Protein backbone atom coordinates (compact mmCIF):
# COMPACT_ATOMS: atom_id res chain seq x y z
CA UNK A 1 27.23 -3.97 -10.51
CA UNK A 2 26.96 -2.54 -7.14
CA UNK A 3 29.57 -3.37 -4.41
CA UNK A 4 28.98 -5.62 -1.68
CA UNK A 5 30.42 -4.08 1.55
CA UNK A 6 30.60 -5.89 4.83
CA UNK A 7 30.74 -3.78 7.87
CA UNK A 8 31.55 -5.55 11.45
CA UNK A 9 29.81 -3.71 14.22
CA UNK A 10 27.32 -2.00 12.50
CA UNK A 11 24.51 -1.87 15.15
CA UNK A 12 25.80 1.44 16.46
CA UNK A 13 28.52 4.25 16.18
CA UNK A 14 30.54 4.43 13.14
CA UNK A 15 29.53 1.25 11.76
CA UNK A 16 25.64 2.13 11.87
CA UNK A 17 26.27 5.61 10.32
CA UNK A 18 28.31 4.19 7.53
CA UNK A 19 25.99 1.21 6.91
CA UNK A 20 22.89 3.50 6.61
CA UNK A 21 25.04 5.90 4.21
CA UNK A 22 26.29 3.21 2.01
CA UNK A 23 23.07 1.57 1.91
CA UNK A 24 21.30 5.07 0.78
CA UNK A 25 23.99 5.39 -1.71
CA UNK A 26 22.87 2.09 -3.47
CA UNK A 27 25.59 -0.28 -2.32
CA UNK A 28 24.66 -3.69 -0.97
CA UNK A 29 25.60 -3.63 2.66
CA UNK A 30 25.75 -6.41 5.34
CA UNK A 31 26.51 -5.44 8.65
CA UNK A 32 27.25 -7.67 11.97
CA UNK A 33 26.46 -7.40 15.45
CA UNK A 34 26.64 -9.66 18.34
CA UNK A 35 22.86 -9.25 18.91
CA UNK A 36 21.37 -8.90 15.64
CA UNK A 37 18.00 -9.76 16.76
CA UNK A 38 17.78 -6.29 18.51
CA UNK A 39 18.43 -4.27 15.52
CA UNK A 40 17.14 -6.27 12.62
CA UNK A 41 13.88 -4.59 12.47
CA UNK A 42 15.57 -1.14 12.81
CA UNK A 43 17.96 -0.97 10.00
CA UNK A 44 17.46 -1.08 6.01
CA UNK A 45 20.36 -3.56 5.45
CA UNK A 46 21.13 -7.10 6.35
CA UNK A 47 22.67 -7.94 9.69
CA UNK A 48 24.07 -11.20 10.61
CA UNK A 49 25.40 -12.41 14.10
CA UNK A 50 29.22 -12.23 14.95
CA UNK A 51 31.21 -12.26 17.86
CA UNK A 52 34.71 -11.35 16.29
CA UNK A 53 36.44 -12.69 19.66
CA UNK A 54 34.91 -16.01 19.25
CA UNK A 55 36.54 -18.43 16.80
CA UNK A 56 33.26 -20.41 16.27
CA UNK A 57 31.35 -17.51 15.78
CA UNK A 58 33.57 -16.40 13.00
CA UNK A 59 33.64 -19.69 11.25
CA UNK A 60 29.68 -19.81 11.36
CA UNK A 61 29.42 -16.32 10.29
CA UNK A 62 31.62 -16.84 7.15
CA UNK A 63 29.39 -19.88 6.17
CA UNK A 64 26.25 -17.89 6.47
CA UNK A 65 27.74 -14.70 4.86
CA UNK A 66 28.37 -16.65 1.59
CA UNK A 67 25.13 -18.20 1.88
CA UNK A 68 23.60 -14.71 1.56
CA UNK A 69 25.83 -13.43 -1.02
CA UNK A 70 28.35 -14.78 -3.60
CA UNK A 71 30.87 -11.89 -3.50
CA UNK A 72 32.28 -9.51 -0.94
CA UNK A 73 34.16 -6.21 -2.34
CA UNK A 74 34.96 -4.51 0.80
CA UNK A 75 35.49 -5.54 4.32
CA UNK A 76 35.38 -2.73 6.85
CA UNK A 77 36.90 -3.86 10.08
CA UNK A 78 34.83 -1.69 12.57
CA UNK A 79 34.05 -3.75 15.70
CA UNK A 80 36.01 -3.18 18.72
CA UNK A 81 35.91 -1.47 22.31
CA UNK A 82 38.24 0.74 24.53
CA UNK A 83 39.68 -0.12 27.75
CA UNK A 84 40.63 2.87 30.10
CA UNK A 85 42.80 3.13 33.12
CA UNK A 86 46.24 3.37 34.54
CA UNK A 87 48.70 0.76 32.99
CA UNK A 88 49.82 -0.47 36.18
CA UNK A 89 46.16 -0.77 37.65
CA UNK A 90 44.85 -2.40 34.74
CA UNK A 91 44.60 -6.41 35.22
CA UNK A 92 46.55 -8.62 32.78
CA UNK A 93 43.13 -10.44 32.05
CA UNK A 94 41.51 -7.02 30.97
CA UNK A 95 44.46 -6.18 28.68
CA UNK A 96 44.07 -9.76 27.01
CA UNK A 97 40.50 -9.41 26.65
CA UNK A 98 41.19 -5.89 24.94
CA UNK A 99 43.50 -7.73 22.30
CA UNK A 100 41.20 -10.83 21.87
CA UNK A 101 38.66 -8.14 20.41
CA UNK A 102 40.65 -5.19 18.91
CA UNK A 103 43.64 -7.15 17.37
CA UNK A 104 43.03 -10.73 17.20
CA UNK A 105 39.25 -10.50 16.46
CA UNK A 106 40.03 -8.13 13.50
CA UNK A 107 42.75 -10.60 12.31
CA UNK A 108 40.46 -13.61 12.34
CA UNK A 109 37.59 -11.76 10.50
CA UNK A 110 40.28 -10.60 7.87
CA UNK A 111 41.70 -14.00 7.34
CA UNK A 112 38.28 -15.44 6.94
CA UNK A 113 37.88 -13.05 4.02
CA UNK A 114 41.09 -13.30 2.52
CA UNK A 115 40.49 -16.73 0.45
CA UNK A 116 37.54 -15.23 -1.16
CA UNK A 117 39.51 -11.87 -2.13
CA UNK A 118 42.43 -13.80 -3.32
CA UNK A 119 40.03 -16.20 -5.43
CA UNK A 120 38.24 -13.15 -7.17
CA UNK A 121 41.74 -11.44 -7.45
CA UNK A 122 40.30 -8.17 -5.91
CA UNK A 123 39.01 -6.78 -2.65
CA UNK A 124 39.55 -3.72 -0.32
CA UNK A 125 40.04 -3.87 3.51
CA UNK A 126 39.42 -0.86 5.47
CA UNK A 127 40.25 -0.87 9.31
CA UNK A 128 39.04 1.77 11.62
CA UNK A 129 41.82 2.16 14.07
CA UNK A 130 42.53 5.42 15.90
CA UNK A 131 44.81 8.30 16.44
CA UNK A 132 45.93 6.46 19.65
CA UNK A 133 47.39 3.94 17.16
CA UNK A 134 49.81 6.31 16.00
CA UNK A 135 50.48 8.05 19.40
CA UNK A 136 50.53 6.94 23.02
CA UNK A 137 48.21 9.04 25.52
CA UNK A 138 47.91 8.19 29.12
CA UNK A 139 44.91 6.22 30.55
CA UNK A 140 44.52 4.22 27.43
CA UNK A 141 47.62 1.76 27.57
CA UNK A 142 45.98 -1.27 26.42
CA UNK A 143 43.44 0.35 24.03
CA UNK A 144 46.66 2.16 22.47
CA UNK A 145 48.70 -0.98 22.45
CA UNK A 146 45.94 -2.75 20.75
CA UNK A 147 45.67 -0.18 17.91
CA UNK A 148 49.22 -0.01 17.40
CA UNK A 149 49.14 -3.58 16.96
CA UNK A 150 46.39 -3.42 14.44
CA UNK A 151 48.34 -0.79 12.49
CA UNK A 152 51.54 -2.77 12.33
CA UNK A 153 49.77 -6.04 11.27
CA UNK A 154 47.94 -4.36 8.33
CA UNK A 155 51.00 -2.32 7.30
CA UNK A 156 52.70 -5.54 6.53
CA UNK A 157 49.82 -7.41 5.23
CA UNK A 158 49.23 -4.65 2.38
CA UNK A 159 52.45 -5.66 0.98
CA UNK A 160 51.46 -9.20 0.95
CA UNK A 161 48.02 -8.70 -0.77
CA UNK A 162 49.37 -6.36 -3.28
CA UNK A 163 49.82 -9.06 -5.91
CA UNK A 164 46.17 -10.07 -5.70
CA UNK A 165 44.92 -6.50 -6.37
CA UNK A 166 43.57 -6.38 -2.61
CA UNK A 167 43.77 -2.73 -1.17
CA UNK A 168 44.32 -2.05 2.61
CA UNK A 169 43.77 1.11 4.40
CA UNK A 170 43.61 2.33 7.94
CA UNK A 171 41.32 5.07 9.29
CA UNK A 172 42.56 6.83 12.31
CA UNK A 173 40.04 9.11 13.95
CA UNK A 174 40.74 11.68 16.60
CA UNK A 175 37.87 11.75 19.35
CA UNK A 176 34.48 11.66 17.73
CA UNK A 177 31.02 11.56 19.40
CA UNK A 178 30.12 7.74 19.22
CA UNK A 179 29.15 5.40 22.07
CA UNK A 180 32.87 4.07 22.34
CA UNK A 181 33.46 6.07 25.44
CA UNK A 182 29.98 5.21 27.06
CA UNK A 183 30.67 1.50 26.36
CA UNK A 184 34.20 1.54 27.41
CA UNK A 185 35.50 -0.82 30.01
CA UNK A 186 37.46 0.69 33.09
CA UNK A 187 40.42 -1.23 34.49
CA UNK A 188 39.63 -3.67 37.27
CA UNK A 189 42.95 -3.97 38.84
CA UNK A 190 43.49 -2.62 42.45
CA UNK A 191 44.05 1.06 42.98
CA UNK A 192 47.52 1.85 43.83
CA UNK A 193 47.66 4.95 46.34
CA UNK A 194 50.59 6.52 44.44
CA UNK A 195 48.45 7.33 41.42
CA UNK A 196 45.32 8.62 43.10
CA UNK A 197 45.84 12.43 42.16
CA UNK A 198 47.26 11.57 38.56
CA UNK A 199 44.25 9.15 38.09
CA UNK A 200 41.94 12.07 38.95
CA UNK A 201 43.47 14.22 36.41
CA UNK A 202 43.79 11.83 33.38
CA UNK A 203 40.39 10.43 34.01
CA UNK A 204 39.18 14.06 33.66
CA UNK A 205 41.15 14.48 30.40
CA UNK A 206 39.67 11.29 28.85
CA UNK A 207 36.42 12.39 29.73
CA UNK A 208 36.93 15.97 28.40
CA UNK A 209 38.11 14.67 25.22
CA UNK A 210 34.98 12.75 24.73
CA UNK A 211 32.76 15.62 25.99
CA UNK A 212 34.47 18.00 23.29
CA UNK A 213 34.56 15.55 20.41
CA UNK A 214 33.47 16.26 16.87
CA UNK A 215 30.47 14.77 15.32
CA UNK A 216 31.43 11.55 13.32
CA UNK A 217 30.40 12.66 9.79
CA UNK A 218 34.18 13.14 8.82
CA UNK A 219 34.77 9.56 9.53
CA UNK A 220 31.90 8.23 7.59
CA UNK A 221 32.81 10.68 4.59
CA UNK A 222 36.71 9.40 4.78
CA UNK A 223 35.41 5.81 4.63
CA UNK A 224 32.91 6.39 1.84
CA UNK A 225 35.61 7.99 -0.44
CA UNK A 226 37.92 5.42 0.11
CA UNK A 227 35.53 2.72 -1.10
CA UNK A 228 35.22 4.91 -4.44
CA UNK A 229 38.85 5.51 -4.90
CA UNK A 230 40.87 3.45 -7.28
CA UNK A 231 44.04 3.70 -5.46
CA UNK A 232 43.49 4.43 -1.77
CA UNK A 233 45.83 5.71 0.70
CA UNK A 234 47.02 3.25 3.52
CA UNK A 235 46.84 5.83 6.44
CA UNK A 236 44.01 8.36 6.71
CA UNK A 237 43.99 10.25 9.96
CA UNK A 238 40.75 12.08 10.56
CA UNK A 239 39.64 14.81 12.54
CA UNK A 240 40.89 18.44 13.77
CA UNK A 241 44.55 18.73 14.59
CA UNK A 242 45.56 15.43 13.40
CA UNK A 243 47.92 16.92 10.91
CA UNK A 244 49.47 19.00 13.74
CA UNK A 245 49.52 16.08 16.45
CA UNK A 246 51.54 13.87 14.15
CA UNK A 247 53.86 16.78 13.02
CA UNK A 248 54.69 17.43 16.56
CA UNK A 249 55.25 13.95 17.53
CA UNK A 250 57.65 13.25 14.72
CA UNK A 251 59.55 16.59 14.42
CA UNK A 252 58.93 18.34 17.71
CA UNK A 253 58.81 15.44 20.50
CA UNK A 254 59.59 17.61 23.26
CA UNK A 255 56.84 19.93 22.28
CA UNK A 256 54.43 17.20 21.72
CA UNK A 257 54.96 15.74 25.22
CA UNK A 258 54.44 18.96 26.71
CA UNK A 259 51.13 19.38 25.37
CA UNK A 260 49.98 16.08 26.47
CA UNK A 261 51.21 16.62 29.94
CA UNK A 262 49.52 20.00 29.87
CA UNK A 263 46.33 18.63 28.67
CA UNK A 264 46.32 16.40 31.64
CA UNK A 265 47.06 19.08 34.21
CA UNK A 266 44.46 21.54 32.81
CA UNK A 267 41.56 19.14 32.39
CA UNK A 268 40.02 19.52 35.50
């Protein structure tokens, strides 16, 4: 029997590419979007309404989901967005909204599926995080914090779900060419004059990272392979230099920090 795969945020970016590939490969794919009516005629898979930051939306979505299918084999947590900006200049309200979606939204959707996974004594949860969930670059403090929180949550959850044959994996991409950057939210706090020069540099470094990003095929390939692996790994960094980045951070932290500082100074 072909697996049923649920992908949140499947109307664009990684989610759309992954959903199209898995559908083509013969899987039963169900995607979600906050505005499914805009995409339903454009995609070959079922797409349902879901706003992961809204409790009522998650509840109604869960009821609708199991009206369409009796079993879900894989949950891919993909929905989310990115807040950019200097930490001190970013309002607490903007920071809270980042966590409401990237962390709490992901947790809510996962919790909604867990009773069904436990009942069937099987399941797989794959969450698309980011390399920033393993490191801490400037200009992305709240986005980084939300991804660190997601990493920590699923790192613990995987042990609790082990008795139920539910596998948990993280995928941590570097910059890839998706609409994440185009749809990012800039901080709305008041600019602090002391940061004027530095703000220009880090914004340029962030933009350079997005401009020079790789095509997203490697991320889609990694997730597709995880779905077809009997014993998937927990952590799956994807992209050029990920191994070097994580090695330097762990074993040569001064060199790692120097590289980050240099990337900011030379971005313009």
